[in-house]
Amino acid sequence: AVLGEAVSLAHSATVIAFLFAGIVAILTSYSYAKLSVKFQSK
């Protein structure tokens, strides 16, 4: 759904745009990992 949207905004730097978003995701995954181990729940 969003690949075309990314190209329309970042143009040739679409790769870097995905990297920026990925950095936010990996940092947040640290919080989720720590919380999930301590509070295991559906």
ModelCIF file with pLDDT and N, C-alpha, C, O atoms, coordinates in Angstrom:
data_MODEL
#
_entry.id   MODEL 
#
_entity.id                         1 
_entity.type                       polymer 
_entity.pdbx_number_of_molecules   1 
#
_entity_poly.entity_id                      1 
_entity_poly.type                           'polypeptide(L)' 
_entity_poly.nstd_linkage                   no 
_entity_poly.nstd_monomer                   no 
_entity_poly.pdbx_seq_one_letter_code       AVLGEAVSLAHSATVIAFLFAGIVAILTSYSYAKLSVKFQSK 
_entity_poly.pdbx_seq_one_letter_code_can   AVLGEAVSLAHSATVIAFLFAGIVAILTSYSYAKLSVKFQSK 
_entity_poly.pdbx_strand_id                 A 
#
loop_
_entity_poly_seq.entity_id 
_entity_poly_seq.num 
_entity_poly_seq.mon_id 
_entity_poly_seq.hetero 
1 1  ALA n 
1 2  VAL n 
1 3  LEU n 
1 4  GLY n 
1 5  GLU n 
1 6  ALA n 
1 7  VAL n 
1 8  SER n 
1 9  LEU n 
1 10 ALA n 
1 11 HIS n 
1 12 SER n 
1 13 ALA n 
1 14 THR n 
1 15 VAL n 
1 16 ILE n 
1 17 ALA n 
1 18 PHE n 
1 19 LEU n 
1 20 PHE n 
1 21 ALA n 
1 22 GLY n 
1 23 ILE n 
1 24 VAL n 
1 25 ALA n 
1 26 ILE n 
1 27 LEU n 
1 28 THR n 
1 29 SER n 
1 30 TYR n 
1 31 SER n 
1 32 TYR n 
1 33 ALA n 
1 34 LYS n 
1 35 LEU n 
1 36 SER n 
1 37 VAL n 
1 38 LYS n 
1 39 PHE n 
1 40 GLN n 
1 41 SER n 
1 42 LYS n 
#
_struct_asym.id          A 
_struct_asym.entity_id   1 
#
loop_
_ma_qa_metric.id 
_ma_qa_metric.mode 
_ma_qa_metric.name 
_ma_qa_metric.software_group_id 
_ma_qa_metric.type 
1 global pLDDT . pLDDT 
2 local  pLDDT . pLDDT 
#
_ma_qa_metric_global.metric_id      1 
_ma_qa_metric_global.metric_value   89.24 
_ma_qa_metric_global.model_id       1 
_ma_qa_metric_global.ordinal_id     1 
#
loop_
_ma_qa_metric_local.label_asym_id 
_ma_qa_metric_local.label_comp_id 
_ma_qa_metric_local.label_seq_id 
_ma_qa_metric_local.metric_id 
_ma_qa_metric_local.metric_value 
_ma_qa_metric_local.model_id 
_ma_qa_metric_local.ordinal_id 
A ALA 1  2 78.00 1 1  
A VAL 2  2 82.00 1 2  
A LEU 3  2 83.00 1 3  
A GLY 4  2 83.00 1 4  
A GLU 5  2 81.00 1 5  
A ALA 6  2 83.00 1 6  
A VAL 7  2 86.00 1 7  
A SER 8  2 83.00 1 8  
A LEU 9  2 81.00 1 9  
A ALA 10 2 85.00 1 10 
A HIS 11 2 83.00 1 11 
A SER 12 2 85.00 1 12 
A ALA 13 2 88.00 1 13 
A THR 14 2 89.00 1 14 
A VAL 15 2 91.00 1 15 
A ILE 16 2 92.00 1 16 
A ALA 17 2 91.00 1 17 
A PHE 18 2 92.00 1 18 
A LEU 19 2 93.00 1 19 
A PHE 20 2 92.00 1 20 
A ALA 21 2 92.00 1 21 
A GLY 22 2 94.00 1 22 
A ILE 23 2 94.00 1 23 
A VAL 24 2 94.00 1 24 
A ALA 25 2 94.00 1 25 
A ILE 26 2 96.00 1 26 
A LEU 27 2 95.00 1 27 
A THR 28 2 96.00 1 28 
A SER 29 2 95.00 1 29 
A TYR 30 2 96.00 1 30 
A SER 31 2 96.00 1 31 
A TYR 32 2 95.00 1 32 
A ALA 33 2 95.00 1 33 
A LYS 34 2 95.00 1 34 
A LEU 35 2 95.00 1 35 
A SER 36 2 93.00 1 36 
A VAL 37 2 92.00 1 37 
A LYS 38 2 91.00 1 38 
A PHE 39 2 89.00 1 39 
A GLN 40 2 86.00 1 40 
A SER 41 2 79.00 1 41 
A LYS 42 2 75.00 1 42 
#
loop_
_atom_site.group_PDB 
_atom_site.id 
_atom_site.type_symbol 
_atom_site.label_atom_id 
_atom_site.label_alt_id 
_atom_site.label_comp_id 
_atom_site.label_asym_id 
_atom_site.label_entity_id 
_atom_site.label_seq_id 
_atom_site.pdbx_PDB_ins_code 
_atom_site.Cartn_x 
_atom_site.Cartn_y 
_atom_site.Cartn_z 
_atom_site.occupancy 
_atom_site.B_iso_or_equiv 
_atom_site.pdbx_formal_charge 
_atom_site.auth_seq_id 
_atom_site.auth_comp_id 
_atom_site.auth_asym_id 
_atom_site.auth_atom_id 
_atom_site.pdbx_PDB_model_num 
ATOM 1   N N  . ALA A 1 1  ? 0.801  -1.220  0.000  1.00 78.00 ? 1  ALA A N  1 
ATOM 2   C CA . ALA A 1 1  ? 0.000  0.000   0.000  1.00 78.00 ? 1  ALA A CA 1 
ATOM 3   C C  . ALA A 1 1  ? 0.834  1.271   0.000  1.00 78.00 ? 1  ALA A C  1 
ATOM 4   O O  . ALA A 1 1  ? 0.463  2.247   -0.651 1.00 78.00 ? 1  ALA A O  1 
ATOM 5   N N  . VAL A 1 2  ? 1.969  1.280   0.725  1.00 82.00 ? 2  VAL A N  1 
ATOM 6   C CA . VAL A 1 2  ? 2.660  2.549   0.974  1.00 82.00 ? 2  VAL A CA 1 
ATOM 7   C C  . VAL A 1 2  ? 3.921  2.778   0.150  1.00 82.00 ? 2  VAL A C  1 
ATOM 8   O O  . VAL A 1 2  ? 4.512  3.854   0.234  1.00 82.00 ? 2  VAL A O  1 
ATOM 9   N N  . LEU A 1 3  ? 4.353  1.793   -0.647 1.00 83.00 ? 3  LEU A N  1 
ATOM 10  C CA . LEU A 1 3  ? 5.581  1.985   -1.426 1.00 83.00 ? 3  LEU A CA 1 
ATOM 11  C C  . LEU A 1 3  ? 5.471  3.194   -2.345 1.00 83.00 ? 3  LEU A C  1 
ATOM 12  O O  . LEU A 1 3  ? 6.382  4.020   -2.397 1.00 83.00 ? 3  LEU A O  1 
ATOM 13  N N  . GLY A 1 4  ? 4.361  3.302   -3.067 1.00 83.00 ? 4  GLY A N  1 
ATOM 14  C CA . GLY A 1 4  ? 4.166  4.445   -3.967 1.00 83.00 ? 4  GLY A CA 1 
ATOM 15  C C  . GLY A 1 4  ? 4.108  5.755   -3.220 1.00 83.00 ? 4  GLY A C  1 
ATOM 16  O O  . GLY A 1 4  ? 4.610  6.773   -3.696 1.00 83.00 ? 4  GLY A O  1 
ATOM 17  N N  . GLU A 1 5  ? 3.496  5.733   -2.044 1.00 81.00 ? 5  GLU A N  1 
ATOM 18  C CA . GLU A 1 5  ? 3.416  6.937   -1.218 1.00 81.00 ? 5  GLU A CA 1 
ATOM 19  C C  . GLU A 1 5  ? 4.817  7.368   -0.784 1.00 81.00 ? 5  GLU A C  1 
ATOM 20  O O  . GLU A 1 5  ? 5.134  8.557   -0.752 1.00 81.00 ? 5  GLU A O  1 
ATOM 21  N N  . ALA A 1 6  ? 5.649  6.378   -0.450 1.00 83.00 ? 6  ALA A N  1 
ATOM 22  C CA . ALA A 1 6  ? 7.026  6.677   -0.047 1.00 83.00 ? 6  ALA A CA 1 
ATOM 23  C C  . ALA A 1 6  ? 7.806  7.329   -1.180 1.00 83.00 ? 6  ALA A C  1 
ATOM 24  O O  . ALA A 1 6  ? 8.535  8.297   -0.966 1.00 83.00 ? 6  ALA A O  1 
ATOM 25  N N  . VAL A 1 7  ? 7.649  6.795   -2.379 1.00 86.00 ? 7  VAL A N  1 
ATOM 26  C CA . VAL A 1 7  ? 8.359  7.347   -3.544 1.00 86.00 ? 7  VAL A CA 1 
ATOM 27  C C  . VAL A 1 7  ? 7.893  8.767   -3.839 1.00 86.00 ? 7  VAL A C  1 
ATOM 28  O O  . VAL A 1 7  ? 8.701  9.619   -4.207 1.00 86.00 ? 7  VAL A O  1 
ATOM 29  N N  . SER A 1 8  ? 6.605  9.028   -3.681 1.00 83.00 ? 8  SER A N  1 
ATOM 30  C CA . SER A 1 8  ? 6.077  10.363  -3.972 1.00 83.00 ? 8  SER A CA 1 
ATOM 31  C C  . SER A 1 8  ? 6.612  11.407  -2.994 1.00 83.00 ? 8  SER A C  1 
ATOM 32  O O  . SER A 1 8  ? 6.638  12.597  -3.310 1.00 83.00 ? 8  SER A O  1 
ATOM 33  N N  . LEU A 1 9  ? 7.034  10.972  -1.818 1.00 81.00 ? 9  LEU A N  1 
ATOM 34  C CA . LEU A 1 9  ? 7.508  11.901  -0.794 1.00 81.00 ? 9  LEU A CA 1 
ATOM 35  C C  . LEU A 1 9  ? 9.031  11.980  -0.710 1.00 81.00 ? 9  LEU A C  1 
ATOM 36  O O  . LEU A 1 9  ? 9.604  13.063  -0.596 1.00 81.00 ? 9  LEU A O  1 
ATOM 37  N N  . ALA A 1 10 ? 9.680  10.806  -0.770 1.00 85.00 ? 10 ALA A N  1 
ATOM 38  C CA . ALA A 1 10 ? 11.139 10.767  -0.590 1.00 85.00 ? 10 ALA A CA 1 
ATOM 39  C C  . ALA A 1 10 ? 11.901 10.649  -1.899 1.00 85.00 ? 10 ALA A C  1 
ATOM 40  O O  . ALA A 1 10 ? 13.112 10.867  -1.933 1.00 85.00 ? 10 ALA A O  1 
ATOM 41  N N  . HIS A 1 11 ? 11.198 10.301  -2.986 1.00 83.00 ? 11 HIS A N  1 
ATOM 42  C CA . HIS A 1 11 ? 11.812 10.178  -4.317 1.00 83.00 ? 11 HIS A CA 1 
ATOM 43  C C  . HIS A 1 11 ? 12.981 9.199   -4.278 1.00 83.00 ? 11 HIS A C  1 
ATOM 44  O O  . HIS A 1 11 ? 12.804 8.060   -3.844 1.00 83.00 ? 11 HIS A O  1 
ATOM 45  N N  . SER A 1 12 ? 14.166 9.608   -4.719 1.00 85.00 ? 12 SER A N  1 
ATOM 46  C CA . SER A 1 12 ? 15.306 8.689   -4.793 1.00 85.00 ? 12 SER A CA 1 
ATOM 47  C C  . SER A 1 12 ? 15.798 8.250   -3.421 1.00 85.00 ? 12 SER A C  1 
ATOM 48  O O  . SER A 1 12 ? 16.532 7.267   -3.311 1.00 85.00 ? 12 SER A O  1 
ATOM 49  N N  . ALA A 1 13 ? 15.403 8.965   -2.381 1.00 88.00 ? 13 ALA A N  1 
ATOM 50  C CA . ALA A 1 13 ? 15.849 8.632   -1.017 1.00 88.00 ? 13 ALA A CA 1 
ATOM 51  C C  . ALA A 1 13 ? 14.830 7.760   -0.277 1.00 88.00 ? 13 ALA A C  1 
ATOM 52  O O  . ALA A 1 13 ? 14.824 7.716   0.953  1.00 88.00 ? 13 ALA A O  1 
ATOM 53  N N  . THR A 1 14 ? 13.978 7.072   -1.023 1.00 89.00 ? 14 THR A N  1 
ATOM 54  C CA . THR A 1 14 ? 12.976 6.200   -0.402 1.00 89.00 ? 14 THR A CA 1 
ATOM 55  C C  . THR A 1 14 ? 13.637 5.165   0.504  1.00 89.00 ? 14 THR A C  1 
ATOM 56  O O  . THR A 1 14 ? 13.089 4.809   1.547  1.00 89.00 ? 14 THR A O  1 
ATOM 57  N N  . VAL A 1 15 ? 14.805 4.688   0.108  1.00 91.00 ? 15 VAL A N  1 
ATOM 58  C CA . VAL A 1 15 ? 15.537 3.717   0.922  1.00 91.00 ? 15 VAL A CA 1 
ATOM 59  C C  . VAL A 1 15 ? 15.814 4.291   2.317  1.00 91.00 ? 15 VAL A C  1 
ATOM 60  O O  . VAL A 1 15 ? 15.630 3.610   3.325  1.00 91.00 ? 15 VAL A O  1 
ATOM 61  N N  . ILE A 1 16 ? 16.258 5.546   2.359  1.00 92.00 ? 16 ILE A N  1 
ATOM 62  C CA . ILE A 1 16 ? 16.573 6.183   3.640  1.00 92.00 ? 16 ILE A CA 1 
ATOM 63  C C  . ILE A 1 16 ? 15.306 6.412   4.454  1.00 92.00 ? 16 ILE A C  1 
ATOM 64  O O  . ILE A 1 16 ? 15.327 6.311   5.680  1.00 92.00 ? 16 ILE A O  1 
ATOM 65  N N  . ALA A 1 17 ? 14.205 6.719   3.778  1.00 91.00 ? 17 ALA A N  1 
ATOM 66  C CA . ALA A 1 17 ? 12.931 6.915   4.481  1.00 91.00 ? 17 ALA A CA 1 
ATOM 67  C C  . ALA A 1 17 ? 12.516 5.631   5.206  1.00 91.00 ? 17 ALA A C  1 
ATOM 68  O O  . ALA A 1 17 ? 12.087 5.676   6.359  1.00 91.00 ? 17 ALA A O  1 
ATOM 69  N N  . PHE A 1 18 ? 12.646 4.492   4.527  1.00 92.00 ? 18 PHE A N  1 
ATOM 70  C CA . PHE A 1 18 ? 12.327 3.212   5.173  1.00 92.00 ? 18 PHE A CA 1 
ATOM 71  C C  . PHE A 1 18 ? 13.283 2.935   6.329  1.00 92.00 ? 18 PHE A C  1 
ATOM 72  O O  . PHE A 1 18 ? 12.885 2.351   7.337  1.00 92.00 ? 18 PHE A O  1 
ATOM 73  N N  . LEU A 1 19 ? 14.545 3.352   6.188  1.00 93.00 ? 19 LEU A N  1 
ATOM 74  C CA . LEU A 1 19 ? 15.516 3.164   7.265  1.00 93.00 ? 19 LEU A CA 1 
ATOM 75  C C  . LEU A 1 19 ? 15.142 3.999   8.487  1.00 93.00 ? 19 LEU A C  1 
ATOM 76  O O  . LEU A 1 19 ? 15.209 3.511   9.616  1.00 93.00 ? 19 LEU A O  1 
ATOM 77  N N  . PHE A 1 20 ? 14.750 5.254   8.269  1.00 92.00 ? 20 PHE A N  1 
ATOM 78  C CA . PHE A 1 20 ? 14.327 6.112   9.380  1.00 92.00 ? 20 PHE A CA 1 
ATOM 79  C C  . PHE A 1 20 ? 13.167 5.475   10.147 1.00 92.00 ? 20 PHE A C  1 
ATOM 80  O O  . PHE A 1 20 ? 13.179 5.409   11.376 1.00 92.00 ? 20 PHE A O  1 
ATOM 81  N N  . ALA A 1 21 ? 12.170 5.011   9.399  1.00 92.00 ? 21 ALA A N  1 
ATOM 82  C CA . ALA A 1 21 ? 11.009 4.384   10.039 1.00 92.00 ? 21 ALA A CA 1 
ATOM 83  C C  . ALA A 1 21 ? 11.435 3.123   10.782 1.00 92.00 ? 21 ALA A C  1 
ATOM 84  O O  . ALA A 1 21 ? 10.919 2.830   11.861 1.00 92.00 ? 21 ALA A O  1 
ATOM 85  N N  . GLY A 1 22 ? 12.377 2.376   10.205 1.00 94.00 ? 22 GLY A N  1 
ATOM 86  C CA . GLY A 1 22 ? 12.862 1.151   10.834 1.00 94.00 ? 22 GLY A CA 1 
ATOM 87  C C  . GLY A 1 22 ? 13.583 1.404   12.143 1.00 94.00 ? 22 GLY A C  1 
ATOM 88  O O  . GLY A 1 22 ? 13.495 0.598   13.069 1.00 94.00 ? 22 GLY A O  1 
ATOM 89  N N  . ILE A 1 23 ? 14.303 2.533   12.226 1.00 94.00 ? 23 ILE A N  1 
ATOM 90  C CA . ILE A 1 23 ? 15.005 2.881   13.472 1.00 94.00 ? 23 ILE A CA 1 
ATOM 91  C C  . ILE A 1 23 ? 14.001 3.107   14.609 1.00 94.00 ? 23 ILE A C  1 
ATOM 92  O O  . ILE A 1 23 ? 14.214 2.658   15.735 1.00 94.00 ? 23 ILE A O  1 
ATOM 93  N N  . VAL A 1 24 ? 12.910 3.806   14.300 1.00 94.00 ? 24 VAL A N  1 
ATOM 94  C CA . VAL A 1 24 ? 11.858 4.011   15.311 1.00 94.00 ? 24 VAL A CA 1 
ATOM 95  C C  . VAL A 1 24 ? 11.289 2.660   15.739 1.00 94.00 ? 24 VAL A C  1 
ATOM 96  O O  . VAL A 1 24 ? 11.038 2.428   16.922 1.00 94.00 ? 24 VAL A O  1 
ATOM 97  N N  . ALA A 1 25 ? 11.088 1.770   14.762 1.00 94.00 ? 25 ALA A N  1 
ATOM 98  C CA . ALA A 1 25 ? 10.521 0.455   15.059 1.00 94.00 ? 25 ALA A CA 1 
ATOM 99  C C  . ALA A 1 25 ? 11.455 -0.382  15.927 1.00 94.00 ? 25 ALA A C  1 
ATOM 100 O O  . ALA A 1 25 ? 11.001 -1.019  16.877 1.00 94.00 ? 25 ALA A O  1 
ATOM 101 N N  . ILE A 1 26 ? 12.747 -0.393  15.621 1.00 96.00 ? 26 ILE A N  1 
ATOM 102 C CA . ILE A 1 26 ? 13.675 -1.242  16.382 1.00 96.00 ? 26 ILE A CA 1 
ATOM 103 C C  . ILE A 1 26 ? 13.853 -0.716  17.801 1.00 96.00 ? 26 ILE A C  1 
ATOM 104 O O  . ILE A 1 26 ? 13.986 -1.506  18.735 1.00 96.00 ? 26 ILE A O  1 
ATOM 105 N N  . LEU A 1 27 ? 13.857 0.609   17.981 1.00 95.00 ? 27 LEU A N  1 
ATOM 106 C CA . LEU A 1 27 ? 13.969 1.171   19.333 1.00 95.00 ? 27 LEU A CA 1 
ATOM 107 C C  . LEU A 1 27 ? 12.729 0.824   20.161 1.00 95.00 ? 27 LEU A C  1 
ATOM 108 O O  . LEU A 1 27 ? 12.831 0.472   21.336 1.00 95.00 ? 27 LEU A O  1 
ATOM 109 N N  . THR A 1 28 ? 11.564 0.928   19.530 1.00 96.00 ? 28 THR A N  1 
ATOM 110 C CA . THR A 1 28 ? 10.322 0.608   20.246 1.00 96.00 ? 28 THR A CA 1 
ATOM 111 C C  . THR A 1 28 ? 10.233 -0.885  20.540 1.00 96.00 ? 28 THR A C  1 
ATOM 112 O O  . THR A 1 28 ? 9.660  -1.285  21.553 1.00 96.00 ? 28 THR A O  1 
ATOM 113 N N  . SER A 1 29 ? 10.794 -1.708  19.661 1.00 95.00 ? 29 SER A N  1 
ATOM 114 C CA . SER A 1 29 ? 10.767 -3.157  19.894 1.00 95.00 ? 29 SER A CA 1 
ATOM 115 C C  . SER A 1 29 ? 11.546 -3.535  21.149 1.00 95.00 ? 29 SER A C  1 
ATOM 116 O O  . SER A 1 29 ? 11.267 -4.563  21.766 1.00 95.00 ? 29 SER A O  1 
ATOM 117 N N  . TYR A 1 30 ? 12.527 -2.704  21.533 1.00 96.00 ? 30 TYR A N  1 
ATOM 118 C CA . TYR A 1 30 ? 13.264 -2.941  22.776 1.00 96.00 ? 30 TYR A CA 1 
ATOM 119 C C  . TYR A 1 30 ? 12.311 -2.828  23.974 1.00 96.00 ? 30 TYR A C  1 
ATOM 120 O O  . TYR A 1 30 ? 12.337 -3.657  24.883 1.00 96.00 ? 30 TYR A O  1 
ATOM 121 N N  . SER A 1 31 ? 11.477 -1.792  23.957 1.00 96.00 ? 31 SER A N  1 
ATOM 122 C CA . SER A 1 31 ? 10.492 -1.626  25.038 1.00 96.00 ? 31 SER A CA 1 
ATOM 123 C C  . SER A 1 31 ? 9.539  -2.815  25.078 1.00 96.00 ? 31 SER A C  1 
ATOM 124 O O  . SER A 1 31 ? 9.247  -3.353  26.146 1.00 96.00 ? 31 SER A O  1 
ATOM 125 N N  . TYR A 1 32 ? 9.053  -3.221  23.896 1.00 95.00 ? 32 TYR A N  1 
ATOM 126 C CA . TYR A 1 32 ? 8.124  -4.347  23.828 1.00 95.00 ? 32 TYR A CA 1 
ATOM 127 C C  . TYR A 1 32 ? 8.769  -5.637  24.317 1.00 95.00 ? 32 TYR A C  1 
ATOM 128 O O  . TYR A 1 32 ? 8.134  -6.430  25.011 1.00 95.00 ? 32 TYR A O  1 
ATOM 129 N N  . ALA A 1 33 ? 10.042 -5.848  23.951 1.00 95.00 ? 33 ALA A N  1 
ATOM 130 C CA . ALA A 1 33 ? 10.731 -7.068  24.357 1.00 95.00 ? 33 ALA A CA 1 
ATOM 131 C C  . ALA A 1 33 ? 10.846 -7.154  25.874 1.00 95.00 ? 33 ALA A C  1 
ATOM 132 O O  . ALA A 1 33 ? 10.567 -8.197  26.465 1.00 95.00 ? 33 ALA A O  1 
ATOM 133 N N  . LYS A 1 34 ? 11.257 -6.058  26.500 1.00 95.00 ? 34 LYS A N  1 
ATOM 134 C CA . LYS A 1 34 ? 11.416 -6.035  27.949 1.00 95.00 ? 34 LYS A CA 1 
ATOM 135 C C  . LYS A 1 34 ? 10.079 -6.197  28.668 1.00 95.00 ? 34 LYS A C  1 
ATOM 136 O O  . LYS A 1 34 ? 9.974  -6.945  29.640 1.00 95.00 ? 34 LYS A O  1 
ATOM 137 N N  . LEU A 1 35 ? 9.066  -5.495  28.183 1.00 95.00 ? 35 LEU A N  1 
ATOM 138 C CA . LEU A 1 35 ? 7.741  -5.572  28.803 1.00 95.00 ? 35 LEU A CA 1 
ATOM 139 C C  . LEU A 1 35 ? 7.115  -6.949  28.615 1.00 95.00 ? 35 LEU A C  1 
ATOM 140 O O  . LEU A 1 35 ? 6.451  -7.457  29.519 1.00 95.00 ? 35 LEU A O  1 
ATOM 141 N N  . SER A 1 36 ? 7.325  -7.562  27.434 1.00 93.00 ? 36 SER A N  1 
ATOM 142 C CA . SER A 1 36 ? 6.716  -8.859  27.137 1.00 93.00 ? 36 SER A CA 1 
ATOM 143 C C  . SER A 1 36 ? 7.270  -9.968  28.016 1.00 93.00 ? 36 SER A C  1 
ATOM 144 O O  . SER A 1 36 ? 6.541  -10.866 28.435 1.00 93.00 ? 36 SER A O  1 
ATOM 145 N N  . VAL A 1 37 ? 8.572  -9.895  28.292 1.00 92.00 ? 37 VAL A N  1 
ATOM 146 C CA . VAL A 1 37 ? 9.185  -10.912 29.150 1.00 92.00 ? 37 VAL A CA 1 
ATOM 147 C C  . VAL A 1 37 ? 8.612  -10.827 30.568 1.00 92.00 ? 37 VAL A C  1 
ATOM 148 O O  . VAL A 1 37 ? 8.330  -11.849 31.194 1.00 92.00 ? 37 VAL A O  1 
ATOM 149 N N  . LYS A 1 38 ? 8.446  -9.609  31.061 1.00 91.00 ? 38 LYS A N  1 
ATOM 150 C CA . LYS A 1 38 ? 7.960  -9.413  32.436 1.00 91.00 ? 38 LYS A CA 1 
ATOM 151 C C  . LYS A 1 38 ? 6.458  -9.620  32.558 1.00 91.00 ? 38 LYS A C  1 
ATOM 152 O O  . LYS A 1 38 ? 5.991  -10.225 33.523 1.00 91.00 ? 38 LYS A O  1 
ATOM 153 N N  . PHE A 1 39 ? 5.701  -9.124  31.593 1.00 89.00 ? 39 PHE A N  1 
ATOM 154 C CA . PHE A 1 39 ? 4.236  -9.191  31.665 1.00 89.00 ? 39 PHE A CA 1 
ATOM 155 C C  . PHE A 1 39 ? 3.707  -9.977  30.468 1.00 89.00 ? 39 PHE A C  1 
ATOM 156 O O  . PHE A 1 39 ? 3.316  -9.405  29.450 1.00 89.00 ? 39 PHE A O  1 
ATOM 157 N N  . GLN A 1 40 ? 3.704  -11.294 30.616 1.00 86.00 ? 40 GLN A N  1 
ATOM 158 C CA . GLN A 1 40 ? 3.264  -12.158 29.515 1.00 86.00 ? 40 GLN A CA 1 
ATOM 159 C C  . GLN A 1 40 ? 1.745  -12.292 29.543 1.00 86.00 ? 40 GLN A C  1 
ATOM 160 O O  . GLN A 1 40 ? 1.172  -12.861 30.472 1.00 86.00 ? 40 GLN A O  1 
ATOM 161 N N  . SER A 1 41 ? 1.109  -11.758 28.509 1.00 79.00 ? 41 SER A N  1 
ATOM 162 C CA . SER A 1 41 ? -0.351 -11.732 28.483 1.00 79.00 ? 41 SER A CA 1 
ATOM 163 C C  . SER A 1 41 ? -0.835 -11.589 27.054 1.00 79.00 ? 41 SER A C  1 
ATOM 164 O O  . SER A 1 41 ? -0.175 -10.959 26.227 1.00 79.00 ? 41 SER A O  1 
ATOM 165 N N  . LYS A 1 42 ? -2.001 -12.180 26.761 1.00 75.00 ? 42 LYS A N  1 
ATOM 166 C CA . LYS A 1 42 ? -2.600 -12.015 25.435 1.00 75.00 ? 42 LYS A CA 1 
ATOM 167 C C  . LYS A 1 42 ? -3.017 -10.562 25.193 1.00 75.00 ? 42 LYS A C  1 
ATOM 168 O O  . LYS A 1 42 ? -3.540 -10.240 24.126 1.00 75.00 ? 42 LYS A O  1 
#
